[in-house]
Amino acid sequence: LSDIHGNPIALEAVLRDVQSTGGADLFLLLGDLVAIGYDSIGVLERIAALPNVCCVQGNTDRYVVTGERPYPSVADVQADPRLVSRIVEVAHSFAWIQGVIAAGGWFDWLAALPLEQRFDLPDGTRLLAVHVAPGQNDGLGIHPRLSDADLADQVANAAADLICVGHTHWPLDRTVTGGRVINSGNVSNPAPVRACTYTSWMRSSTPGASLSSRAR
């Protein structure tokens, strides 16, 4: 699952769907757990209650704990003063959620999330979980408009057979030179052209078994 963005209602809908199909042995949460939505603390509490959950840090999680901020920067505003209202809105939003996370006792937990997680699946598949791309939790990210060559460049140094990402809010499942890439889409805050949310998961129960994903 990826890009929950502080929306516990959307998270619960996804978890109910997972449970209705037999549950999960492991939950991989691919970052952007907090910010934008109305209840980041509720999301973190629900995540902590999940069995066998593994998380990586997304860019909005990093903004909250480091004080970094997304576009626009001060330099952007100096170049285009029309962005003043936007930078003020972004600053207020992240300052508020930063205070909420700190007051709720989740600041250190969020700050400690790793950039990447790696696993060997029962069939020998080497899995890399990361928010944007290998070694990155910010940037343009992986989306369906990328050519196979550009996608292969993004994952060239992954040292993994299966790369699971989020960030762009666009589901994708494609195999290129360098590995199979799955973008699980988003639990919340969908891309403008879609009115629904997506998640995907893999099953690999025994050595030698085939690996499959489903977008929901």
Foldseek 3Di string as FASTA:
>chain_A
DEQAAQPVVLVVVVQVVCVVVPHDPAAEYQENQYFPDDHSPVSVVVQVPDPHYAYAYAPLLVCLQPVDFDPDDPVVCVVPVVCVVVVVVRNVRSVVVSVVCVVSPNNVVSVPGHQWDWDQDQQRFIEIRGAFAVPDRDDDGDAPVDDLVRVCVRQVPVPGAEYEYEPPLHFDWDAHVNHTYTYQHHSDDHDPVDDHHWGKDWDDPHHPDDIDMDID
